[in-house]
Amino acid sequence: MVPLAVDRRMLEDPHVKTFLLLQSWFTGISFPISDYITDAKLVIDSIVRIIYAMVDIAAEYSTMENTLKAATLLQMIVQG
């Protein structure tokens, strides 16, 4: 039901699960079990810290375009 399909053979991969959780979270698709809600919140909390690090690194290397893109992505994630 998510907009971007994944390879069904890769469903056990944690990267694929994270990708599916993020797609479900942003599109508002309801989760079939409450464990997925907890997992999605954990992913969102973790991804915010990762993107803050991306903003810091991009700013350190004076790449304004990448800094702005990372900041925009962070804003989109925080606002859901």
C-alpha atoms as a PDB file:
ATOM      1  CA  MET A   1       0.000   0.000   0.000  1.00  0.00           C
ATOM      2  CA  VAL A   2       3.013   2.331   0.202  1.00  0.00           C
ATOM      3  CA  PRO A   3       3.793   4.585  -2.782  1.00  0.00           C
ATOM      4  CA  LEU A   4       7.310   3.276  -3.457  1.00  0.00           C
ATOM      5  CA  ALA A   5       7.556  -0.470  -3.886  1.00  0.00           C
ATOM      6  CA  VAL A   6      10.349  -2.635  -2.512  1.00  0.00           C
ATOM      7  CA  ASP A   7      11.734  -5.984  -3.555  1.00  0.00           C
ATOM      8  CA  ARG A   8       9.734  -8.609  -1.675  1.00  0.00           C
ATOM      9  CA  ARG A   9      12.852 -10.768  -1.304  1.00  0.00           C
ATOM     10  CA  MET A  10      14.430  -8.008   0.825  1.00  0.00           C
ATOM     11  CA  LEU A  11      11.644  -7.632   3.407  1.00  0.00           C
ATOM     12  CA  GLU A  12      13.815  -8.988   6.219  1.00  0.00           C
ATOM     13  CA  ASP A  13      16.443  -6.284   5.660  1.00  0.00           C
ATOM     14  CA  PRO A  14      16.335  -3.588   8.399  1.00  0.00           C
ATOM     15  CA  HIS A  15      16.926  -0.875   5.793  1.00  0.00           C
ATOM     16  CA  VAL A  16      13.816  -1.962   3.914  1.00  0.00           C
ATOM     17  CA  LYS A  17      11.770  -2.044   7.118  1.00  0.00           C
ATOM     18  CA  THR A  18      12.935   1.484   7.939  1.00  0.00           C
ATOM     19  CA  PHE A  19      12.069   2.632   4.436  1.00  0.00           C
ATOM     20  CA  LEU A  20       8.584   1.101   4.689  1.00  0.00           C
ATOM     21  CA  LEU A  21       8.004   2.575   8.143  1.00  0.00           C
ATOM     22  CA  LEU A  22       8.972   6.050   6.917  1.00  0.00           C
ATOM     23  CA  GLN A  23       6.711   5.779   3.878  1.00  0.00           C
ATOM     24  CA  SER A  24       3.808   4.646   6.038  1.00  0.00           C
ATOM     25  CA  TRP A  25       4.415   7.397   8.574  1.00  0.00           C
ATOM     26  CA  PHE A  26       4.540  10.181   5.973  1.00  0.00           C
ATOM     27  CA  THR A  27       1.590   8.964   3.913  1.00  0.00           C
ATOM     28  CA  GLY A  28      -0.613   8.353   6.949  1.00  0.00           C
ATOM     29  CA  ILE A  29      -1.149   4.673   6.289  1.00  0.00           C
ATOM     30  CA  SER A  30      -2.261   2.953   9.477  1.00  0.00           C
ATOM     31  CA  PHE A  31      -0.011   0.306  10.939  1.00  0.00           C
ATOM     32  CA  PRO A  32      -1.412  -3.218  11.346  1.00  0.00           C
ATOM     33  CA  ILE A  33       0.079  -3.722  14.823  1.00  0.00           C
ATOM     34  CA  SER A  34       1.125  -1.360  17.607  1.00  0.00           C
ATOM     35  CA  ASP A  35       4.747  -2.552  17.482  1.00  0.00           C
ATOM     36  CA  TYR A  36       5.101  -0.797  14.126  1.00  0.00           C
ATOM     37  CA  ILE A  37       3.991   2.488  15.679  1.00  0.00           C
ATOM     38  CA  THR A  38       6.726   2.178  18.302  1.00  0.00           C
ATOM     39  CA  ASP A  39       9.279   1.245  15.636  1.00  0.00           C
ATOM     40  CA  ALA A  40       8.245   4.193  13.447  1.00  0.00           C
ATOM     41  CA  LYS A  41       8.620   6.653  16.327  1.00  0.00           C
ATOM     42  CA  LEU A  42      12.056   5.237  17.087  1.00  0.00           C
ATOM     43  CA  VAL A  43      13.068   5.637  13.432  1.00  0.00           C
ATOM     44  CA  ILE A  44      11.767   9.228  13.312  1.00  0.00           C
ATOM     45  CA  ASP A  45      13.644  10.119  16.504  1.00  0.00           C
ATOM     46  CA  SER A  46      16.851   8.567  15.169  1.00  0.00           C
ATOM     47  CA  ILE A  47      16.580  10.114  11.734  1.00  0.00           C
ATOM     48  CA  VAL A  48      16.278  13.610  13.217  1.00  0.00           C
ATOM     49  CA  ARG A  49      19.635  13.200  14.952  1.00  0.00           C
ATOM     50  CA  ILE A  50      21.216  11.834  11.770  1.00  0.00           C
ATOM     51  CA  ILE A  51      19.980  14.736   9.660  1.00  0.00           C
ATOM     52  CA  TYR A  52      21.181  17.257  12.262  1.00  0.00           C
ATOM     53  CA  ALA A  53      24.608  15.676  11.831  1.00  0.00           C
ATOM     54  CA  MET A  54      24.257  15.983   8.038  1.00  0.00           C
ATOM     55  CA  VAL A  55      23.436  19.687   8.419  1.00  0.00           C
ATOM     56  CA  ASP A  56      26.492  20.201  10.631  1.00  0.00           C
ATOM     57  CA  ILE A  57      28.799  18.383   8.234  1.00  0.00           C
ATOM     58  CA  ALA A  58      27.451  20.224   5.184  1.00  0.00           C
ATOM     59  CA  ALA A  59      27.823  23.557   6.986  1.00  0.00           C
ATOM     60  CA  GLU A  60      31.359  22.660   8.075  1.00  0.00           C
ATOM     61  CA  TYR A  61      32.337  22.069   4.451  1.00  0.00           C
ATOM     62  CA  SER A  62      30.567  25.287   3.380  1.00  0.00           C
ATOM     63  CA  THR A  63      28.210  23.576   0.967  1.00  0.00           C
ATOM     64  CA  MET A  64      25.194  25.856   1.238  1.00  0.00           C
ATOM     65  CA  GLU A  65      23.053  23.894  -1.215  1.00  0.00           C
ATOM     66  CA  ASN A  66      23.467  20.640   0.733  1.00  0.00           C
ATOM     67  CA  THR A  67      22.971  22.432   4.048  1.00  0.00           C
ATOM     68  CA  LEU A  68      19.680  23.897   2.841  1.00  0.00           C
ATOM     69  CA  LYS A  69      18.502  20.563   1.414  1.00  0.00           C
ATOM     70  CA  ALA A  70      19.265  18.765   4.678  1.00  0.00           C
ATOM     71  CA  ALA A  71      17.569  21.512   6.687  1.00  0.00           C
ATOM     72  CA  THR A  72      14.496  21.299   4.439  1.00  0.00           C
ATOM     73  CA  LEU A  73      14.407  17.524   4.830  1.00  0.00           C
ATOM     74  CA  LEU A  74      14.676  17.910   8.595  1.00  0.00           C
ATOM     75  CA  GLN A  75      11.805  20.361   8.621  1.00  0.00           C
ATOM     76  CA  MET A  76       9.669  18.003   6.535  1.00  0.00           C
ATOM     77  CA  ILE A  77      10.355  15.127   8.914  1.00  0.00           C
ATOM     78  CA  VAL A  78       9.657  17.126  12.052  1.00  0.00           C
ATOM     79  CA  GLN A  79       6.405  18.483  10.643  1.00  0.00           C
ATOM     80  CA  GLY A  80       5.435  15.040   9.367  1.00  0.00           C
END
